[in-house]
Amino acid sequence: MTDGVRCVIHNYVLNEFLPGEDPGELTDQTPLITGGILDSIGTLKLVTFLEERFGVLVEAHEAGIDHLDSIGKIVELIESKKTAA
């Protein structure tokens, strides 16, 4: 499931926040928040997308750099929530 989750998140970030950019430039380690790709509004949009798409609840303390600063971290968060559910 991890690759499917990664692909969905990768495509969402590319389409919503980096239109026209080279998909190869967005890696699992690309900093999204600290790199300036996601601002506070973008982060809220991402959280809403994750909750709706994957049926999880992202807690307020999880909606920050520790969990959402890269695609790799987001995949880990979603996977841990799916496992716990």
PDB file of N, CA and C in Angstrom:
ATOM      1  N   MET A   1       0.814  -1.202   0.000  1.00  0.00           N
ATOM      2  CA  MET A   1       0.000   0.000   0.000  1.00  0.00           C
ATOM      3  C   MET A   1       0.854   1.261   0.000  1.00  0.00           C
ATOM      4  N   THR A   2       2.052   1.181   0.543  1.00  0.00           N
ATOM      5  CA  THR A   2       2.894   2.369   0.683  1.00  0.00           C
ATOM      6  C   THR A   2       3.132   3.072  -0.650  1.00  0.00           C
ATOM      7  N   ASP A   3       3.418   2.323  -1.700  1.00  0.00           N
ATOM      8  CA  ASP A   3       3.687   2.947  -2.996  1.00  0.00           C
ATOM      9  C   ASP A   3       2.458   3.663  -3.534  1.00  0.00           C
ATOM     10  N   GLY A   4       1.273   3.079  -3.314  1.00  0.00           N
ATOM     11  CA  GLY A   4       0.037   3.722  -3.741  1.00  0.00           C
ATOM     12  C   GLY A   4      -0.194   5.025  -3.000  1.00  0.00           C
ATOM     13  N   VAL A   5       0.016   5.005  -1.696  1.00  0.00           N
ATOM     14  CA  VAL A   5      -0.133   6.209  -0.869  1.00  0.00           C
ATOM     15  C   VAL A   5       0.873   7.262  -1.331  1.00  0.00           C
ATOM     16  N   ARG A   6       2.106   6.859  -1.515  1.00  0.00           N
ATOM     17  CA  ARG A   6       3.176   7.769  -1.942  1.00  0.00           C
ATOM     18  C   ARG A   6       2.816   8.412  -3.285  1.00  0.00           C
ATOM     19  N   CYS A   7       2.331   7.611  -4.219  1.00  0.00           N
ATOM     20  CA  CYS A   7       1.994   8.101  -5.550  1.00  0.00           C
ATOM     21  C   CYS A   7       0.860   9.127  -5.488  1.00  0.00           C
ATOM     22  N   VAL A   8      -0.167   8.835  -4.714  1.00  0.00           N
ATOM     23  CA  VAL A   8      -1.307   9.747  -4.570  1.00  0.00           C
ATOM     24  C   VAL A   8      -0.845  11.078  -3.972  1.00  0.00           C
ATOM     25  N   ILE A   9      -0.039  11.015  -2.931  1.00  0.00           N
ATOM     26  CA  ILE A   9       0.438  12.238  -2.265  1.00  0.00           C
ATOM     27  C   ILE A   9       1.365  13.015  -3.196  1.00  0.00           C
ATOM     28  N   HIS A  10       2.265  12.320  -3.864  1.00  0.00           N
ATOM     29  CA  HIS A  10       3.200  12.945  -4.797  1.00  0.00           C
ATOM     30  C   HIS A  10       2.427  13.709  -5.882  1.00  0.00           C
ATOM     31  N   ASN A  11       1.445  13.038  -6.477  1.00  0.00           N
ATOM     32  CA  ASN A  11       0.660  13.670  -7.537  1.00  0.00           C
ATOM     33  C   ASN A  11      -0.133  14.866  -7.022  1.00  0.00           C
ATOM     34  N   TYR A  12      -0.682  14.746  -5.826  1.00  0.00           N
ATOM     35  CA  TYR A  12      -1.445  15.858  -5.248  1.00  0.00           C
ATOM     36  C   TYR A  12      -0.556  17.081  -5.023  1.00  0.00           C
ATOM     37  N   VAL A  13       0.597  16.865  -4.412  1.00  0.00           N
ATOM     38  CA  VAL A  13       1.518  17.980  -4.143  1.00  0.00           C
ATOM     39  C   VAL A  13       1.962  18.625  -5.455  1.00  0.00           C
ATOM     40  N   LEU A  14       2.289  17.802  -6.440  1.00  0.00           N
ATOM     41  CA  LEU A  14       2.707  18.342  -7.745  1.00  0.00           C
ATOM     42  C   LEU A  14       1.596  19.182  -8.377  1.00  0.00           C
ATOM     43  N   ASN A  15       0.390  18.634  -8.422  1.00  0.00           N
ATOM     44  CA  ASN A  15      -0.717  19.317  -9.093  1.00  0.00           C
ATOM     45  C   ASN A  15      -1.182  20.565  -8.354  1.00  0.00           C
ATOM     46  N   GLU A  16      -1.229  20.501  -7.033  1.00  0.00           N
ATOM     47  CA  GLU A  16      -1.757  21.609  -6.243  1.00  0.00           C
ATOM     48  C   GLU A  16      -0.744  22.719  -5.991  1.00  0.00           C
ATOM     49  N   PHE A  17       0.499  22.338  -5.725  1.00  0.00           N
ATOM     50  CA  PHE A  17       1.471  23.309  -5.236  1.00  0.00           C
ATOM     51  C   PHE A  17       2.661  23.545  -6.166  1.00  0.00           C
ATOM     52  N   LEU A  18       2.869  22.654  -7.134  1.00  0.00           N
ATOM     53  CA  LEU A  18       4.013  22.789  -8.035  1.00  0.00           C
ATOM     54  C   LEU A  18       3.608  22.544  -9.496  1.00  0.00           C
ATOM     55  N   PRO A  19       2.540  23.191  -9.958  1.00  0.00           N
ATOM     56  CA  PRO A  19       2.108  22.932 -11.337  1.00  0.00           C
ATOM     57  C   PRO A  19       3.197  23.296 -12.335  1.00  0.00           C
ATOM     58  N   GLY A  20       3.423  22.395 -13.276  1.00  0.00           N
ATOM     59  CA  GLY A  20       4.418  22.646 -14.312  1.00  0.00           C
ATOM     60  C   GLY A  20       5.840  22.274 -13.933  1.00  0.00           C
ATOM     61  N   GLU A  21       6.055  21.899 -12.698  1.00  0.00           N
ATOM     62  CA  GLU A  21       7.409  21.522 -12.264  1.00  0.00           C
ATOM     63  C   GLU A  21       7.725  20.095 -12.719  1.00  0.00           C
ATOM     64  N   ASP A  22       8.996  19.793 -12.809  1.00  0.00           N
ATOM     65  CA  ASP A  22       9.455  18.459 -13.174  1.00  0.00           C
ATOM     66  C   ASP A  22       9.133  17.492 -12.041  1.00  0.00           C
ATOM     67  N   PRO A  23       8.311  16.468 -12.321  1.00  0.00           N
ATOM     68  CA  PRO A  23       7.956  15.504 -11.264  1.00  0.00           C
ATOM     69  C   PRO A  23       9.176  14.871 -10.604  1.00  0.00           C
ATOM     70  N   GLY A  24      10.267  14.733 -11.353  1.00  0.00           N
ATOM     71  CA  GLY A  24      11.479  14.129 -10.810  1.00  0.00           C
ATOM     72  C   GLY A  24      12.156  14.977  -9.745  1.00  0.00           C
ATOM     73  N   GLU A  25      11.832  16.267  -9.722  1.00  0.00           N
ATOM     74  CA  GLU A  25      12.422  17.167  -8.724  1.00  0.00           C
ATOM     75  C   GLU A  25      11.788  16.993  -7.348  1.00  0.00           C
ATOM     76  N   LEU A  26      10.589  16.423  -7.302  1.00  0.00           N
ATOM     77  CA  LEU A  26       9.889  16.223  -6.030  1.00  0.00           C
ATOM     78  C   LEU A  26      10.162  14.812  -5.540  1.00  0.00           C
ATOM     79  N   THR A  27      11.039  14.700  -4.535  1.00  0.00           N
ATOM     80  CA  THR A  27      11.400  13.389  -3.994  1.00  0.00           C
ATOM     81  C   THR A  27      10.713  13.183  -2.649  1.00  0.00           C
ATOM     82  N   ASP A  28      10.907  12.004  -2.073  1.00  0.00           N
ATOM     83  CA  ASP A  28      10.346  11.708  -0.750  1.00  0.00           C
ATOM     84  C   ASP A  28      10.956  12.591   0.339  1.00  0.00           C
ATOM     85  N   GLN A  29      12.139  13.162   0.065  1.00  0.00           N
ATOM     86  CA  GLN A  29      12.823  13.976   1.065  1.00  0.00           C
ATOM     87  C   GLN A  29      12.709  15.478   0.806  1.00  0.00           C
ATOM     88  N   THR A  30      12.099  15.892  -0.296  1.00  0.00           N
ATOM     89  CA  THR A  30      11.972  17.324  -0.592  1.00  0.00           C
ATOM     90  C   THR A  30      11.245  18.020   0.561  1.00  0.00           C
ATOM     91  N   PRO A  31      11.855  19.066   1.152  1.00  0.00           N
ATOM     92  CA  PRO A  31      11.193  19.761   2.259  1.00  0.00           C
ATOM     93  C   PRO A  31      10.008  20.592   1.755  1.00  0.00           C
ATOM     94  N   LEU A  32       8.829  20.250   2.234  1.00  0.00           N
ATOM     95  CA  LEU A  32       7.616  20.919   1.758  1.00  0.00           C
ATOM     96  C   LEU A  32       7.309  22.193   2.536  1.00  0.00           C
ATOM     97  N   ILE A  33       7.379  22.113   3.855  1.00  0.00           N
ATOM     98  CA  ILE A  33       7.066  23.281   4.693  1.00  0.00           C
ATOM     99  C   ILE A  33       8.323  24.144   4.854  1.00  0.00           C
ATOM    100  N   THR A  34       9.419  23.519   5.289  1.00  0.00           N
ATOM    101  CA  THR A  34      10.649  24.288   5.506  1.00  0.00           C
ATOM    102  C   THR A  34      11.245  24.762   4.183  1.00  0.00           C
ATOM    103  N   GLY A  35      10.864  24.120   3.073  1.00  0.00           N
ATOM    104  CA  GLY A  35      11.353  24.528   1.761  1.00  0.00           C
ATOM    105  C   GLY A  35      10.476  25.584   1.100  1.00  0.00           C
ATOM    106  N   GLY A  36       9.382  25.956   1.764  1.00  0.00           N
ATOM    107  CA  GLY A  36       8.528  27.013   1.247  1.00  0.00           C
ATOM    108  C   GLY A  36       7.490  26.576   0.225  1.00  0.00           C
ATOM    109  N   ILE A  37       7.369  25.284  -0.010  1.00  0.00           N
ATOM    110  CA  ILE A  37       6.365  24.794  -0.959  1.00  0.00           C
ATOM    111  C   ILE A  37       4.975  24.901  -0.332  1.00  0.00           C
ATOM    112  N   LEU A  38       4.872  24.550   0.951  1.00  0.00           N
ATOM    113  CA  LEU A  38       3.606  24.646   1.671  1.00  0.00           C
ATOM    114  C   LEU A  38       3.657  25.793   2.668  1.00  0.00           C
ATOM    115  N   ASP A  39       2.689  26.711   2.573  1.00  0.00           N
ATOM    116  CA  ASP A  39       2.519  27.720   3.615  1.00  0.00           C
ATOM    117  C   ASP A  39       1.399  27.227   4.526  1.00  0.00           C
ATOM    118  N   SER A  40       0.915  28.069   5.418  1.00  0.00           N
ATOM    119  CA  SER A  40      -0.104  27.601   6.366  1.00  0.00           C
ATOM    120  C   SER A  40      -1.395  27.186   5.658  1.00  0.00           C
ATOM    121  N   ILE A  41      -1.799  27.940   4.640  1.00  0.00           N
ATOM    122  CA  ILE A  41      -3.010  27.589   3.896  1.00  0.00           C
ATOM    123  C   ILE A  41      -2.794  26.294   3.114  1.00  0.00           C
ATOM    124  N   GLY A  42      -1.637  26.165   2.490  1.00  0.00           N
ATOM    125  CA  GLY A  42      -1.311  24.946   1.760  1.00  0.00           C
ATOM    126  C   GLY A  42      -1.298  23.727   2.669  1.00  0.00           C
ATOM    127  N   THR A  43      -0.778  23.912   3.881  1.00  0.00           N
ATOM    128  CA  THR A  43      -0.740  22.813   4.841  1.00  0.00           C
ATOM    129  C   THR A  43      -2.155  22.388   5.219  1.00  0.00           C
ATOM    130  N   LEU A  44      -3.038  23.352   5.419  1.00  0.00           N
ATOM    131  CA  LEU A  44      -4.440  23.035   5.728  1.00  0.00           C
ATOM    132  C   LEU A  44      -5.102  22.293   4.568  1.00  0.00           C
ATOM    133  N   LYS A  45      -4.837  22.735   3.350  1.00  0.00           N
ATOM    134  CA  LYS A  45      -5.389  22.050   2.172  1.00  0.00           C
ATOM    135  C   LYS A  45      -4.885  20.611   2.109  1.00  0.00           C
ATOM    136  N   LEU A  46      -3.598  20.426   2.392  1.00  0.00           N
ATOM    137  CA  LEU A  46      -3.013  19.085   2.376  1.00  0.00           C
ATOM    138  C   LEU A  46      -3.673  18.200   3.436  1.00  0.00           C
ATOM    139  N   VAL A  47      -3.831  18.724   4.638  1.00  0.00           N
ATOM    140  CA  VAL A  47      -4.444  17.951   5.725  1.00  0.00           C
ATOM    141  C   VAL A  47      -5.869  17.544   5.339  1.00  0.00           C
ATOM    142  N   THR A  48      -6.634  18.484   4.792  1.00  0.00           N
ATOM    143  CA  THR A  48      -8.007  18.182   4.367  1.00  0.00           C
ATOM    144  C   THR A  48      -8.011  17.086   3.312  1.00  0.00           C
ATOM    145  N   PHE A  49      -7.107  17.198   2.340  1.00  0.00           N
ATOM    146  CA  PHE A  49      -6.993  16.175   1.297  1.00  0.00           C
ATOM    147  C   PHE A  49      -6.668  14.810   1.907  1.00  0.00           C
ATOM    148  N   LEU A  50      -5.681  14.761   2.799  1.00  0.00           N
ATOM    149  CA  LEU A  50      -5.279  13.487   3.405  1.00  0.00           C
ATOM    150  C   LEU A  50      -6.431  12.858   4.174  1.00  0.00           C
ATOM    151  N   GLU A  51      -7.150  13.679   4.928  1.00  0.00           N
ATOM    152  CA  GLU A  51      -8.265  13.157   5.721  1.00  0.00           C
ATOM    153  C   GLU A  51      -9.371  12.602   4.824  1.00  0.00           C
ATOM    154  N   GLU A  52      -9.690  13.341   3.766  1.00  0.00           N
ATOM    155  CA  GLU A  52     -10.761  12.893   2.867  1.00  0.00           C
ATOM    156  C   GLU A  52     -10.337  11.697   2.030  1.00  0.00           C
ATOM    157  N   ARG A  53      -9.131  11.735   1.511  1.00  0.00           N
ATOM    158  CA  ARG A  53      -8.666  10.681   0.601  1.00  0.00           C
ATOM    159  C   ARG A  53      -8.380   9.365   1.306  1.00  0.00           C
ATOM    160  N   PHE A  54      -7.799   9.456   2.509  1.00  0.00           N
ATOM    161  CA  PHE A  54      -7.377   8.230   3.198  1.00  0.00           C
ATOM    162  C   PHE A  54      -8.241   7.870   4.404  1.00  0.00           C
ATOM    163  N   GLY A  55      -9.246   8.681   4.700  1.00  0.00           N
ATOM    164  CA  GLY A  55     -10.149   8.364   5.799  1.00  0.00           C
ATOM    165  C   GLY A  55      -9.475   8.364   7.157  1.00  0.00           C
ATOM    166  N   VAL A  56      -8.541   9.288   7.358  1.00  0.00           N
ATOM    167  CA  VAL A  56      -7.843   9.389   8.638  1.00  0.00           C
ATOM    168  C   VAL A  56      -8.124  10.754   9.252  1.00  0.00           C
ATOM    169  N   LEU A  57      -7.802  10.895  10.518  1.00  0.00           N
ATOM    170  CA  LEU A  57      -7.911  12.183  11.198  1.00  0.00           C
ATOM    171  C   LEU A  57      -6.506  12.638  11.562  1.00  0.00           C
ATOM    172  N   VAL A  58      -6.099  13.775  11.009  1.00  0.00           N
ATOM    173  CA  VAL A  58      -4.790  14.337  11.336  1.00  0.00           C
ATOM    174  C   VAL A  58      -4.994  15.281  12.515  1.00  0.00           C
ATOM    175  N   GLU A  59      -4.399  14.924  13.652  1.00  0.00           N
ATOM    176  CA  GLU A  59      -4.546  15.733  14.863  1.00  0.00           C
ATOM    177  C   GLU A  59      -3.782  17.046  14.713  1.00  0.00           C
ATOM    178  N   ALA A  60      -4.187  18.052  15.478  1.00  0.00           N
ATOM    179  CA  ALA A  60      -3.556  19.376  15.394  1.00  0.00           C
ATOM    180  C   ALA A  60      -2.047  19.296  15.601  1.00  0.00           C
ATOM    181  N   HIS A  61      -1.608  18.482  16.573  1.00  0.00           N
ATOM    182  CA  HIS A  61      -0.164  18.387  16.845  1.00  0.00           C
ATOM    183  C   HIS A  61       0.592  17.652  15.734  1.00  0.00           C
ATOM    184  N   GLU A  62      -0.131  16.997  14.821  1.00  0.00           N
ATOM    185  CA  GLU A  62       0.514  16.278  13.725  1.00  0.00           C
ATOM    186  C   GLU A  62       0.612  17.134  12.454  1.00  0.00           C
ATOM    187  N   ALA A  63      -0.080  18.273  12.442  1.00  0.00           N
ATOM    188  CA  ALA A  63      -0.159  19.112  11.242  1.00  0.00           C
ATOM    189  C   ALA A  63       0.988  20.121  11.190  1.00  0.00           C
ATOM    190  N   GLY A  64       2.207  19.621  11.246  1.00  0.00           N
ATOM    191  CA  GLY A  64       3.368  20.509  11.225  1.00  0.00           C
ATOM    192  C   GLY A  64       4.572  19.833  10.615  1.00  0.00           C
ATOM    193  N   ILE A  65       5.719  20.443  10.834  1.00  0.00           N
ATOM    194  CA  ILE A  65       6.970  20.003  10.228  1.00  0.00           C
ATOM    195  C   ILE A  65       7.315  18.550  10.576  1.00  0.00           C
ATOM    196  N   ASP A  66       7.043  18.135  11.811  1.00  0.00           N
ATOM    197  CA  ASP A  66       7.431  16.787  12.227  1.00  0.00           C
ATOM    198  C   ASP A  66       6.774  15.691  11.388  1.00  0.00           C
ATOM    199  N   HIS A  67       5.568  15.952  10.886  1.00  0.00           N
ATOM    200  CA  HIS A  67       4.833  14.910  10.162  1.00  0.00           C
ATOM    201  C   HIS A  67       4.538  15.239   8.698  1.00  0.00           C
ATOM    202  N   LEU A  68       4.602  16.519   8.323  1.00  0.00           N
ATOM    203  CA  LEU A  68       4.163  16.902   6.979  1.00  0.00           C
ATOM    204  C   LEU A  68       5.236  17.596   6.141  1.00  0.00           C
ATOM    205  N   ASP A  69       6.491  17.570   6.575  1.00  0.00           N
ATOM    206  CA  ASP A  69       7.515  18.334   5.855  1.00  0.00           C
ATOM    207  C   ASP A  69       8.082  17.622   4.632  1.00  0.00           C
ATOM    208  N   SER A  70       7.710  16.373   4.415  1.00  0.00           N
ATOM    209  CA  SER A  70       8.168  15.666   3.214  1.00  0.00           C
ATOM    210  C   SER A  70       7.159  14.579   2.875  1.00  0.00           C
ATOM    211  N   ILE A  71       7.198  14.145   1.641  1.00  0.00           N
ATOM    212  CA  ILE A  71       6.297  13.068   1.234  1.00  0.00           C
ATOM    213  C   ILE A  71       6.580  11.816   2.048  1.00  0.00           C
ATOM    214  N   GLY A  72       7.851  11.551   2.316  1.00  0.00           N
ATOM    215  CA  GLY A  72       8.211  10.386   3.130  1.00  0.00           C
ATOM    216  C   GLY A  72       7.567  10.432   4.506  1.00  0.00           C
ATOM    217  N   LYS A  73       7.604  11.601   5.151  1.00  0.00           N
ATOM    218  CA  LYS A  73       7.002  11.752   6.479  1.00  0.00           C
ATOM    219  C   LYS A  73       5.479  11.619   6.414  1.00  0.00           C
ATOM    220  N   ILE A  74       4.884  12.165   5.358  1.00  0.00           N
ATOM    221  CA  ILE A  74       3.426  12.073   5.206  1.00  0.00           C
ATOM    222  C   ILE A  74       3.001  10.622   5.029  1.00  0.00           C
ATOM    223  N   VAL A  75       3.748   9.883   4.196  1.00  0.00           N
ATOM    224  CA  VAL A  75       3.439   8.463   3.997  1.00  0.00           C
ATOM    225  C   VAL A  75       3.529   7.716   5.323  1.00  0.00           C
ATOM    226  N   GLU A  76       4.564   7.986   6.111  1.00  0.00           N
ATOM    227  CA  GLU A  76       4.709   7.339   7.423  1.00  0.00           C
ATOM    228  C   GLU A  76       3.512   7.648   8.314  1.00  0.00           C
ATOM    229  N   LEU A  77       3.071   8.912   8.312  1.00  0.00           N
ATOM    230  CA  LEU A  77       1.922   9.310   9.132  1.00  0.00           C
ATOM    231  C   LEU A  77       0.670   8.564   8.706  1.00  0.00           C
ATOM    232  N   ILE A  78       0.390   8.526   7.407  1.00  0.00           N
ATOM    233  CA  ILE A  78      -0.797   7.845   6.901  1.00  0.00           C
ATOM    234  C   ILE A  78      -0.732   6.356   7.204  1.00  0.00           C
ATOM    235  N   GLU A  79       0.422   5.751   6.964  1.00  0.00           N
ATOM    236  CA  GLU A  79       0.584   4.319   7.233  1.00  0.00           C
ATOM    237  C   GLU A  79       0.357   4.006   8.717  1.00  0.00           C
ATOM    238  N   SER A  80       0.905   4.837   9.602  1.00  0.00           N
ATOM    239  CA  SER A  80       0.741   4.571  11.035  1.00  0.00           C
ATOM    240  C   SER A  80      -0.721   4.710  11.445  1.00  0.00           C
ATOM    241  N   LYS A  81      -1.432   5.648  10.841  1.00  0.00           N
ATOM    242  CA  LYS A  81      -2.840   5.840  11.160  1.00  0.00           C
ATOM    243  C   LYS A  81      -3.683   4.701  10.608  1.00  0.00           C
ATOM    244  N   LYS A  82      -3.335   4.224   9.424  1.00  0.00           N
ATOM    245  CA  LYS A  82      -4.078   3.098   8.834  1.00  0.00           C
ATOM    246  C   LYS A  82      -3.854   1.835   9.660  1.00  0.00           C
ATOM    247  N   THR A  83      -2.617   1.654  10.146  1.00  0.00           N
ATOM    248  CA  THR A  83      -2.299   0.475  10.941  1.00  0.00           C
ATOM    249  C   THR A  83      -3.018   0.511  12.276  1.00  0.00           C
ATOM    250  N   ALA A  84      -3.098   1.703  12.863  1.00  0.00           N
ATOM    251  CA  ALA A  84      -3.737   1.851  14.175  1.00  0.00           C
ATOM    252  C   ALA A  84      -5.255   1.748  14.092  1.00  0.00           C
ATOM    253  N   ALA A  85      -5.819   2.030  12.931  1.00  0.00           N
ATOM    254  CA  ALA A  85      -7.285   2.053  12.783  1.00  0.00           C
ATOM    255  C   ALA A  85      -7.908   0.682  12.884  1.00  0.00           C
TER     256      ALA A  85
END
